[in-house]
Protein backbone atom coordinates (compact mmCIF):
# COMPACT_ATOMS: atom_id res chain seq x y z
CA MET A 1 -9.73 0.79 29.40
CA GLU A 2 -8.77 -1.65 32.13
CA LYS A 3 -5.14 -1.20 33.15
CA GLU A 4 -4.60 -4.96 33.46
CA LEU A 5 -5.85 -5.53 29.90
CA VAL A 6 -3.64 -2.74 28.54
CA ASN A 7 -0.59 -4.10 30.33
CA LYS A 8 -1.23 -7.60 28.96
CA LEU A 9 -1.61 -6.21 25.45
CA LYS A 10 1.61 -4.19 25.70
CA TYR A 11 3.44 -7.26 27.02
CA LEU A 12 2.22 -9.44 24.11
CA ILE A 13 3.24 -6.76 21.61
CA SER A 14 6.70 -6.54 23.17
CA LYS A 15 7.01 -10.33 22.75
CA LYS A 16 6.16 -9.89 19.03
CA LYS A 17 3.06 -12.05 19.22
CA SER A 18 0.88 -12.15 16.09
CA LEU A 19 -2.52 -10.46 16.02
CA GLN A 20 -4.17 -13.88 16.10
CA GLU A 21 -2.13 -14.94 19.15
CA ILE A 22 -2.97 -11.66 20.91
CA CYS A 23 -6.68 -12.11 20.21
CA GLU A 24 -6.65 -15.68 21.49
CA THR A 25 -4.74 -14.76 24.66
CA LEU A 26 -6.95 -11.77 25.48
CA GLU A 27 -10.13 -13.48 24.26
CA LEU A 28 -11.00 -10.50 22.07
CA LYS A 29 -11.96 -10.01 18.44
CA ASP A 30 -9.34 -8.61 16.08
CA TYR A 31 -11.26 -5.34 15.61
CA GLU A 32 -11.45 -4.93 19.40
CA VAL A 33 -7.67 -5.29 19.75
CA ILE A 34 -7.04 -2.92 16.82
CA GLY A 35 -9.43 -0.41 18.42
CA ILE A 36 -7.50 -0.53 21.70
CA VAL A 37 -4.25 -0.04 19.78
CA GLU A 38 -5.66 3.08 18.09
CA LEU A 39 -6.71 4.51 21.46
CA LEU A 40 -3.26 3.82 22.93
CA LYS A 41 -1.63 5.50 19.91
CA GLN A 42 -3.64 8.64 20.67
CA ASP A 43 -2.21 8.52 24.19
CA GLY A 44 1.30 8.52 22.75
CA GLU A 45 2.13 4.80 22.85
CA LEU A 46 4.70 3.82 20.22
CA ILE A 47 2.68 0.99 18.69
CA ASP A 48 0.92 0.65 15.34
CA TYR A 49 -1.19 -1.69 13.22
CA VAL A 50 0.78 -2.37 10.03
CA ASN A 51 0.18 -4.99 7.32
CA GLY A 52 -2.18 -7.01 9.46
CA GLU A 53 0.05 -7.10 12.56
CA ILE A 54 0.57 -4.96 15.65
CA ILE A 55 4.15 -3.77 16.07
CA LYS A 56 6.13 -1.80 18.63
CA LEU A 57 7.95 1.21 17.18
CA LYS A 58 11.48 2.13 18.32
CA LYS A 59 10.87 5.82 17.67
CA PRO A 60 7.98 8.08 16.63
CA ILE A 61 7.12 8.37 12.94
CA LYS A 62 9.02 11.19 11.23
CA SER A 63 7.14 13.47 8.84
CA ASN A 64 8.56 16.64 7.25
CA GLU A 65 11.68 16.40 9.44
CA THR A 66 9.62 16.22 12.64
CA TYR A 67 8.93 13.22 14.87
CA GLU A 68 5.23 13.09 15.62
CA ILE A 69 3.45 11.53 18.61
CA PRO A 70 -0.38 11.61 18.57
CA ASN A 71 -1.92 13.11 21.68
CA ASN A 72 -5.44 13.55 23.04
CA MET A 73 -4.43 14.39 26.61
CA GLU A 74 -5.55 17.68 28.14
CA HIS A 75 -2.43 17.85 30.27
CA ILE A 76 1.17 16.81 29.55
CA LYS A 77 3.98 16.50 32.08
CA LEU A 78 7.63 16.51 31.01
CA LEU A 79 10.97 15.96 32.73
CA LEU A 80 13.84 17.74 30.95
CA ILE A 81 17.38 16.47 31.58
CA SER A 82 20.72 16.64 29.80
CA ASP A 83 24.44 15.88 29.97
CA THR A 84 24.36 12.80 32.18
CA HIS A 85 27.87 11.78 31.01
CA LEU A 86 27.41 8.17 32.07
CA GLY A 87 30.65 6.21 32.29
CA SER A 88 32.40 9.09 34.04
CA LYS A 89 33.54 8.64 37.64
CA TYR A 90 31.62 11.83 38.31
CA ASP A 91 28.25 10.78 36.88
CA ARG A 92 25.24 10.95 39.19
CA LEU A 93 23.25 7.80 38.66
CA ASP A 94 21.75 8.39 42.09
CA ILE A 95 20.09 11.58 40.84
CA LEU A 96 18.84 9.81 37.71
CA ARG A 97 17.25 7.05 39.80
CA TYR A 98 15.65 9.61 42.07
CA LEU A 99 14.28 11.57 39.10
CA TYR A 100 12.69 8.57 37.40
CA ALA A 101 11.11 7.43 40.67
CA LYS A 102 9.72 10.93 41.20
CA ALA A 103 8.58 11.13 37.57
CA GLU A 104 6.61 7.90 37.98
CA ASP A 105 5.06 9.12 41.24
CA ASN A 106 4.07 12.40 39.56
CA LYS A 107 2.73 10.64 36.44
CA VAL A 108 5.16 12.33 34.05
CA ASN A 109 4.36 11.45 30.43
CA TYR A 110 7.76 11.89 28.77
CA VAL A 111 11.42 12.40 29.66
CA LEU A 112 13.45 14.49 27.18
CA HIS A 113 17.27 14.26 27.15
CA SER A 114 19.19 16.87 25.17
CA GLY A 115 22.49 15.07 24.62
CA ASP A 116 25.73 13.75 26.14
CA LEU A 117 24.12 10.65 27.56
CA THR A 118 27.63 9.11 27.73
CA GLU A 119 31.00 10.53 28.73
CA GLY A 120 32.60 9.35 25.48
CA LEU A 121 36.33 9.27 24.76
CA SER A 122 37.83 12.55 23.63
CA GLY A 123 41.46 11.68 23.02
CA ARG A 124 42.51 13.95 25.91
CA PRO A 125 44.96 11.67 27.85
CA GLN A 126 43.89 12.88 31.30
CA GLN A 127 40.29 11.87 30.61
CA LEU A 128 41.20 8.21 31.10
CA TYR A 129 41.67 8.90 34.82
CA GLU A 130 38.12 10.32 35.02
CA LEU A 131 36.36 7.27 33.54
CA LYS A 132 34.59 4.28 35.08
CA GLU A 133 34.53 2.71 31.59
CA ASN A 134 37.04 3.66 28.90
CA SER A 135 35.81 1.57 25.96
CA TYR A 136 32.85 1.76 23.61
CA THR A 137 31.43 -1.56 24.78
CA GLY A 138 32.13 -0.66 28.41
CA GLN A 139 30.17 2.60 28.30
CA ARG A 140 27.44 1.08 26.12
CA ASP A 141 26.86 -1.85 28.49
CA TYR A 142 27.12 0.42 31.54
CA VAL A 143 24.26 2.59 30.25
CA ILE A 144 22.16 -0.40 29.14
CA ASP A 145 22.55 -1.95 32.59
CA LYS A 146 22.48 1.11 34.86
CA TYR A 147 20.13 3.62 33.23
CA PRO A 148 16.84 3.62 35.18
CA LYS A 149 14.20 1.25 33.82
CA SER A 150 10.79 2.86 33.59
CA ASP A 151 7.51 2.74 31.69
CA ILE A 152 7.97 6.43 30.89
CA PRO A 153 9.34 6.91 27.34
CA THR A 154 12.62 8.81 27.15
CA TYR A 155 13.50 10.63 23.92
CA LEU A 156 17.18 11.42 23.35
CA ILE A 157 19.49 13.22 20.99
CA SER A 158 23.27 12.79 20.98
CA GLY A 159 25.76 15.42 22.06
CA ASN A 160 29.42 16.01 21.26
CA HIS A 161 30.60 13.49 23.90
CA ASP A 162 28.37 10.76 22.41
CA LEU A 163 29.56 11.62 18.90
CA TRP A 164 33.21 11.16 19.91
CA TRP A 165 32.56 7.43 19.64
CA ILE A 166 31.83 7.82 15.93
CA LYS A 167 35.26 9.41 15.55
CA GLN A 168 36.91 6.73 17.69
CA CYS A 169 35.32 3.59 16.27
CA GLY A 170 32.72 4.56 13.68
CA SER A 171 29.71 3.52 15.79
CA ASP A 172 26.73 5.51 17.07
CA ILE A 173 26.58 4.55 20.75
CA LEU A 174 23.11 6.00 21.39
CA LYS A 175 21.60 4.04 18.52
CA ASP A 176 23.26 0.92 19.90
CA ILE A 177 22.03 1.57 23.45
CA CYS A 178 18.46 2.35 22.46
CA MET A 179 18.18 -0.84 20.43
CA GLN A 180 18.67 -2.72 23.72
CA ARG A 181 16.41 -0.61 25.95
CA GLU A 182 12.63 -0.51 25.51
CA ASN A 183 12.06 2.87 27.17
CA LEU A 184 14.90 4.78 25.43
CA HIS A 185 14.19 6.24 21.98
CA TYR A 186 16.98 7.81 19.92
CA LEU A 187 15.87 10.65 17.65
CA GLY A 188 19.21 11.67 16.11
CA SER A 189 22.30 13.79 16.61
CA ASP A 190 22.53 17.30 18.03
CA CYS A 191 19.20 18.75 16.86
CA GLU A 192 15.77 17.15 16.34
CA ASP A 193 12.16 18.33 16.32
CA LEU A 194 9.44 16.47 18.22
CA LYS A 195 5.71 17.16 18.06
CA ILE A 196 3.38 15.78 20.75
CA GLY A 197 -0.07 16.45 19.33
CA LYS A 198 0.18 20.15 18.52
CA LEU A 199 2.93 20.82 21.07
CA LYS A 200 6.15 21.59 19.15
CA ILE A 201 9.47 20.83 20.85
CA ARG A 202 13.04 21.20 19.63
CA LEU A 203 15.91 19.34 21.30
CA TYR A 204 19.28 20.95 20.62
CA HIS A 205 22.64 20.08 22.19
CA GLY A 206 25.02 22.69 20.83
CA LYS A 207 28.77 23.14 20.58
CA GLY A 208 31.52 25.45 21.80
CA GLY A 209 32.09 26.92 25.24
CA GLY A 210 29.95 29.05 27.47
CA SER A 211 29.37 32.78 27.21
CA TYR A 212 29.58 35.85 29.42
CA ALA A 213 25.82 35.63 30.03
CA LYS A 214 23.70 32.48 30.40
CA SER A 215 21.09 33.86 28.03
CA TYR A 216 23.47 34.75 25.19
CA LYS A 217 23.87 31.42 23.39
CA LEU A 218 20.22 30.52 23.89
CA GLN A 219 19.11 33.85 22.46
CA LYS A 220 21.51 33.65 19.51
CA TYR A 221 20.31 30.16 18.64
CA LEU A 222 16.64 31.13 18.90
CA ASP A 223 17.32 33.99 16.49
CA THR A 224 18.39 31.45 13.84
CA ILE A 225 14.89 29.91 13.81
CA SER A 226 12.29 31.69 11.70
CA LEU A 227 9.23 32.93 13.59
CA GLU A 228 6.84 30.53 11.84
CA GLU A 229 9.09 27.53 12.63
CA ARG A 230 9.79 28.32 16.28
CA PRO A 231 8.73 25.61 18.75
CA HIS A 232 6.64 26.05 21.86
CA ILE A 233 9.52 24.50 23.85
CA LEU A 234 13.23 24.79 23.03
CA GLN A 235 15.43 22.54 25.16
CA THR A 236 19.22 22.89 24.94
CA GLY A 237 22.19 21.28 26.69
CA HIS A 238 26.00 21.25 26.54
CA ILE A 239 27.06 24.19 28.74
CA HIS A 240 26.03 22.60 32.10
CA GLN A 241 24.14 25.70 33.18
CA ALA A 242 20.40 26.10 33.85
CA PHE A 243 18.46 29.05 32.49
CA TYR A 244 14.91 29.84 31.40
CA MET A 245 13.45 32.59 29.26
CA LYS A 246 10.32 33.12 27.18
CA GLN A 247 10.33 34.98 23.90
CA ASP A 248 7.12 35.33 21.92
CA LYS A 249 5.54 31.85 22.02
CA THR A 250 8.77 29.94 22.77
CA HIS A 251 9.66 28.72 26.25
CA CYS A 252 13.44 28.24 26.25
CA PHE A 253 15.03 25.81 28.69
CA GLN A 254 18.79 25.70 29.01
CA THR A 255 19.11 22.30 30.70
CA SER A 256 22.17 21.72 32.86
CA CYS A 257 23.99 18.48 33.68
CA LEU A 258 23.70 15.57 36.11
CA GLN A 259 27.43 15.23 36.76
CA ASP A 260 29.76 16.46 39.48
CA LEU A 261 32.52 18.86 38.48
CA THR A 262 35.43 16.94 36.93
CA PRO A 263 39.13 17.78 37.48
CA PHE A 264 39.31 19.01 33.87
CA GLU A 265 36.32 21.31 34.31
CA ARG A 266 37.75 22.62 37.57
CA SER A 267 41.11 23.36 35.91
CA MET A 268 39.33 25.27 33.14
CA GLY A 269 37.30 27.34 35.60
CA PHE A 270 33.97 25.83 34.53
CA ASN A 271 30.98 25.31 36.79
CA ASN A 272 28.14 22.77 36.85
CA ASP A 273 24.53 23.41 37.74
CA LYS A 274 23.23 19.96 38.61
CA SER A 275 19.52 20.33 37.98
CA CYS A 276 16.49 19.40 35.90
CA TRP A 277 13.29 21.04 34.71
CA TRP A 278 9.79 19.81 35.52
CA VAL A 279 7.35 21.16 32.94
CA ASP A 280 3.52 21.07 32.97
CA ILE A 281 1.52 21.91 29.85
CA ASP A 282 -2.23 22.52 29.71
CA MET A 283 -3.92 22.01 26.32
CA ASP A 284 -7.17 23.58 25.08
CA ASP A 285 -10.06 21.60 23.60
CA LYS A 286 -8.37 21.72 20.18
CA GLY A 287 -5.09 20.32 21.48
CA ASN A 288 -3.13 23.58 21.45
CA PRO A 289 -0.83 24.37 24.39
CA VAL A 290 -2.28 27.28 26.35
CA LEU A 291 -0.28 27.27 29.59
CA ILE A 292 3.30 26.07 30.14
CA LYS A 293 4.57 26.06 33.73
CA GLN A 294 8.10 25.14 34.82
CA GLU A 295 9.97 24.29 38.00
CA LEU A 296 13.74 24.00 38.38
CA GLU A 297 15.02 21.34 40.80
CA ILE A 298 18.65 21.75 41.89
CA PHE A 299 20.93 19.06 43.35
CA ASN A 300 24.16 19.01 45.31
CA LYS A 301 26.63 16.29 46.30
CA LYS A 302 24.21 14.62 48.68
CA LEU A 303 23.37 11.04 47.66
CA MET A 304 19.80 11.07 46.35
CA ARG A 305 19.01 7.39 45.86
CA LYS A 306 21.17 4.24 46.00
């Protein structure tokens, strides 16, 4: 398919043009447009032909408690991030901008975010001195405005910091943010399953503190999943530490944060691994993942991108 034609079609869909208007603009028959839509769906585009019209979906279709994205690609590239804590004075938007630019250069297909997109408001008085924005609308608008804009879809779950806003004002800030941003797709809170073709992924944020060994919490959580239900990729967040292990068919990625150490974390003796995972997956001719390769990229206090 011609890239220019696809981009025009995606633009018209985003503007909620009718099928007839799309056909007239592109000078195509309705069955030709519908055929292109079906091909794009197989490449993971969140669009569909429903009740005689083409619509843009805000999230993948959920079936049997799993979000499903069709896929016919032989190779999938992922960027795994977590715990961006946007709205904190210690967030690292510069790293986020660098990562999305690199992801576009490397033709990454999807970005997965395993929770704590926002810093939230905990009720701890000292936290107010660590915030750029201390209100729901302030943090919401900050993320809507500042989060990198990209054609790469980003799938998110909420973490405990995001969920503090439900306690504070009864509103789900990630749902609110993703309604305003085309490339951000909110799957749900704390734990959600995503299937890209036959590639099974679980995003899990988690609760509680760290442990004496990086592998302990990851291992204990994996043990709670029955063998037949285990994903090919398990991505977790929350503890701001990076770790990888493989058990049976599951590649487990403890994804760290993109935030500098805060005064509270320093006083508690915590540590932050500022990093992300780049993951490449090769599929066989039946769409099954046969090779999963990973690379950890670590960051420091150096400014990455203005």
